[in-house]
C-alpha atoms as a PDB file:
ATOM      1  CA  MET A   1     -15.575  20.495 -10.340  1.00  0.00           C
ATOM      2  CA  THR A   2     -18.011  20.152 -13.197  1.00  0.00           C
ATOM      3  CA  MET A   3     -18.552  17.106 -15.301  1.00  0.00           C
ATOM      4  CA  SER A   4     -16.428  18.642 -18.076  1.00  0.00           C
ATOM      5  CA  ASP A   5     -13.612  19.001 -15.535  1.00  0.00           C
ATOM      6  CA  ALA A   6     -13.963  15.475 -14.232  1.00  0.00           C
ATOM      7  CA  ALA A   7     -13.283  13.650 -17.498  1.00  0.00           C
ATOM      8  CA  PRO A   8      -9.705  14.863 -17.971  1.00  0.00           C
ATOM      9  CA  ALA A   9      -8.950  14.236 -14.255  1.00  0.00           C
ATOM     10  CA  ILE A  10     -10.236  10.664 -14.428  1.00  0.00           C
ATOM     11  CA  LEU A  11      -8.453   9.951 -17.716  1.00  0.00           C
ATOM     12  CA  SER A  12      -5.232  11.427 -16.322  1.00  0.00           C
ATOM     13  CA  ALA A  13      -5.499   9.271 -13.230  1.00  0.00           C
ATOM     14  CA  LEU A  14      -6.129   6.163 -15.353  1.00  0.00           C
ATOM     15  CA  ALA A  15      -3.215   6.978 -17.599  1.00  0.00           C
ATOM     16  CA  GLY A  16      -0.973   7.385 -14.485  1.00  0.00           C
ATOM     17  CA  ALA A  17      -2.173   4.007 -13.179  1.00  0.00           C
ATOM     18  CA  ALA A  18      -1.379   2.407 -16.538  1.00  0.00           C
ATOM     19  CA  LEU A  19       2.074   4.008 -16.568  1.00  0.00           C
ATOM     20  CA  GLY A  20       2.609   2.835 -12.976  1.00  0.00           C
ATOM     21  CA  ALA A  21       1.524  -0.716 -13.874  1.00  0.00           C
ATOM     22  CA  VAL A  22       3.975  -0.853 -16.781  1.00  0.00           C
ATOM     23  CA  PHE A  23       6.774   0.618 -14.640  1.00  0.00           C
ATOM     24  CA  PHE A  24       6.360  -1.670 -11.635  1.00  0.00           C
ATOM     25  CA  ILE A  25       5.677  -4.856 -13.584  1.00  0.00           C
ATOM     26  CA  GLY A  26       8.776  -4.046 -15.601  1.00  0.00           C
ATOM     27  CA  LEU A  27      10.782  -3.554 -12.456  1.00  0.00           C
ATOM     28  CA  TRP A  28       9.451  -6.844 -11.030  1.00  0.00           C
ATOM     29  CA  TRP A  29      10.377  -8.705 -14.247  1.00  0.00           C
ATOM     30  CA  THR A  30      13.821  -7.115 -14.280  1.00  0.00           C
ATOM     31  CA  VAL A  31      14.623  -8.077 -10.723  1.00  0.00           C
ATOM     32  CA  ARG A  32      13.523 -11.665 -11.466  1.00  0.00           C
ATOM     33  CA  GLN A  33      15.837 -11.808 -14.483  1.00  0.00           C
ATOM     34  CA  LEU A  34      18.923 -10.481 -12.698  1.00  0.00           C
ATOM     35  CA  LEU A  35      20.033 -13.815 -11.216  1.00  0.00           C
ATOM     36  CA  THR A  36      20.196 -15.557 -14.589  1.00  0.00           C
ATOM     37  CA  ALA A  37      21.325 -12.595 -16.752  1.00  0.00           C
ATOM     38  CA  SER A  38      24.814 -12.759 -18.237  1.00  0.00           C
ATOM     39  CA  GLN A  39      25.228  -9.002 -17.698  1.00  0.00           C
ATOM     40  CA  PRO A  40      22.950  -8.037 -14.796  1.00  0.00           C
ATOM     41  CA  ALA A  41      24.286  -4.498 -14.497  1.00  0.00           C
ATOM     42  CA  LEU A  42      23.528  -3.761 -18.130  1.00  0.00           C
ATOM     43  CA  LEU A  43      20.065  -5.279 -17.747  1.00  0.00           C
ATOM     44  CA  MET A  44      19.306  -3.153 -14.737  1.00  0.00           C
ATOM     45  CA  LEU A  45      20.592   0.027 -16.376  1.00  0.00           C
ATOM     46  CA  ALA A  46      18.701  -0.578 -19.646  1.00  0.00           C
ATOM     47  CA  SER A  47      15.518  -1.423 -17.758  1.00  0.00           C
ATOM     48  CA  MET A  48      15.778   1.632 -15.533  1.00  0.00           C
ATOM     49  CA  LEU A  49      16.427   3.980 -18.448  1.00  0.00           C
ATOM     50  CA  GLY A  50      13.575   2.462 -20.518  1.00  0.00           C
ATOM     51  CA  ARG A  51      11.027   2.438 -17.735  1.00  0.00           C
ATOM     52  CA  THR A  52      11.934   5.948 -16.513  1.00  0.00           C
ATOM     53  CA  GLY A  53      11.906   7.360 -20.081  1.00  0.00           C
ATOM     54  CA  LEU A  54       8.528   5.787 -20.781  1.00  0.00           C
ATOM     55  CA  VAL A  55       6.987   7.153 -17.567  1.00  0.00           C
ATOM     56  CA  LEU A  56       8.417  10.638 -17.940  1.00  0.00           C
ATOM     57  CA  GLY A  57       7.307  10.817 -21.542  1.00  0.00           C
ATOM     58  CA  GLY A  58       3.860   9.590 -20.572  1.00  0.00           C
ATOM     59  CA  PHE A  59       3.601  12.160 -17.798  1.00  0.00           C
ATOM     60  CA  TYR A  60       4.606  14.901 -20.263  1.00  0.00           C
ATOM     61  CA  LEU A  61       1.984  13.834 -22.829  1.00  0.00           C
ATOM     62  CA  VAL A  62      -0.763  13.428 -20.220  1.00  0.00           C
ATOM     63  CA  ALA A  63      -0.051  16.771 -18.477  1.00  0.00           C
ATOM     64  CA  ASP A  64      -0.128  18.773 -21.734  1.00  0.00           C
ATOM     65  CA  GLY A  65       0.848  21.832 -19.823  1.00  0.00           C
ATOM     66  CA  SER A  66      -1.655  21.423 -17.014  1.00  0.00           C
ATOM     67  CA  TRP A  67      -0.304  20.890 -13.514  1.00  0.00           C
ATOM     68  CA  GLN A  68      -3.724  19.520 -12.423  1.00  0.00           C
ATOM     69  CA  ARG A  69      -3.555  16.712 -14.984  1.00  0.00           C
ATOM     70  CA  LEU A  70       0.023  16.024 -13.982  1.00  0.00           C
ATOM     71  CA  LEU A  71      -1.088  15.786 -10.361  1.00  0.00           C
ATOM     72  CA  PHE A  72      -3.903  13.293 -11.187  1.00  0.00           C
ATOM     73  CA  CYS A  73      -1.487  11.275 -13.316  1.00  0.00           C
ATOM     74  CA  LEU A  74       0.940  11.099 -10.398  1.00  0.00           C
ATOM     75  CA  ALA A  75      -1.829  10.060  -8.071  1.00  0.00           C
ATOM     76  CA  GLY A  76      -2.695   7.191 -10.469  1.00  0.00           C
ATOM     77  CA  PHE A  77       0.947   6.211 -10.589  1.00  0.00           C
ATOM     78  CA  VAL A  78       1.143   6.068  -6.791  1.00  0.00           C
ATOM     79  CA  VAL A  79      -2.009   3.963  -6.598  1.00  0.00           C
ATOM     80  CA  ALA A  80      -0.511   1.585  -9.133  1.00  0.00           C
ATOM     81  CA  ARG A  81       2.564   1.320  -6.889  1.00  0.00           C
ATOM     82  CA  MET A  82       0.434   0.442  -3.842  1.00  0.00           C
ATOM     83  CA  VAL A  83      -1.453  -2.197  -5.832  1.00  0.00           C
ATOM     84  CA  ALA A  84       1.729  -3.660  -7.318  1.00  0.00           C
ATOM     85  CA  THR A  85       3.377  -4.032  -3.911  1.00  0.00           C
ATOM     86  CA  ARG A  86       0.289  -5.926  -2.695  1.00  0.00           C
ATOM     87  CA  LEU A  87      -0.320  -8.122  -5.727  1.00  0.00           C
ATOM     88  CA  LEU A  88       3.098  -9.016  -7.158  1.00  0.00           C
ATOM     89  CA  PRO A  89       4.715 -12.021  -5.509  1.00  0.00           C
ATOM     90  CA  VAL A  90       7.838 -11.481  -3.397  1.00  0.00           C
ATOM     91  CA  GLU A  91      10.350 -14.289  -3.480  1.00  0.00           C
ATOM     92  CA  THR A  92      13.179 -14.053  -1.022  1.00  0.00           C
ATOM     93  CA  PRO A  93      15.928 -16.646  -0.787  1.00  0.00           C
ATOM     94  CA  ALA A  94      14.282 -17.950   2.444  1.00  0.00           C
ATOM     95  CA  ASN A  95      10.903 -18.266   0.690  1.00  0.00           C
ATOM     96  CA  ALA A  96      12.460 -20.002  -2.314  1.00  0.00           C
ATOM     97  CA  ALA A  97      13.989 -22.593  -0.028  1.00  0.00           C
ATOM     98  CA  GLY A  98      10.614 -23.302   1.623  1.00  0.00           C
ATOM     99  CA  HIS A  99      11.417 -21.628   4.963  1.00  0.00           C
ATOM    100  CA  ARG A 100       8.982 -19.315   6.683  1.00  0.00           C
ATOM    101  CA  ASP A 101       9.870 -16.118   8.549  1.00  0.00           C
ATOM    102  CA  ALA A 102       8.919 -16.161  12.212  1.00  0.00           C
ATOM    103  CA  ALA A 103       6.013 -13.801  12.595  1.00  0.00           C
END
């Protein structure tokens, strides 16, 4: 891989990470809103369609007909998922009540 090949790969991976961040932060926000939403099913459906449409459109634009760029974009998306699952807080009913799970 030459330097001229590395730039599109790095940019594709960064774009995938950004798409992943938007997707998973949006999912986290949606799940937090479900308990207080007047129509939780509609909120979940609208959020899923919006997030999925945004990510698929982003993948399409980043790939631009190149399966290599698509692969790097997907790798960035997966890395964003791993980061999101580590950094975003998880609040279960037991945690919200102040109880701790036995570890």
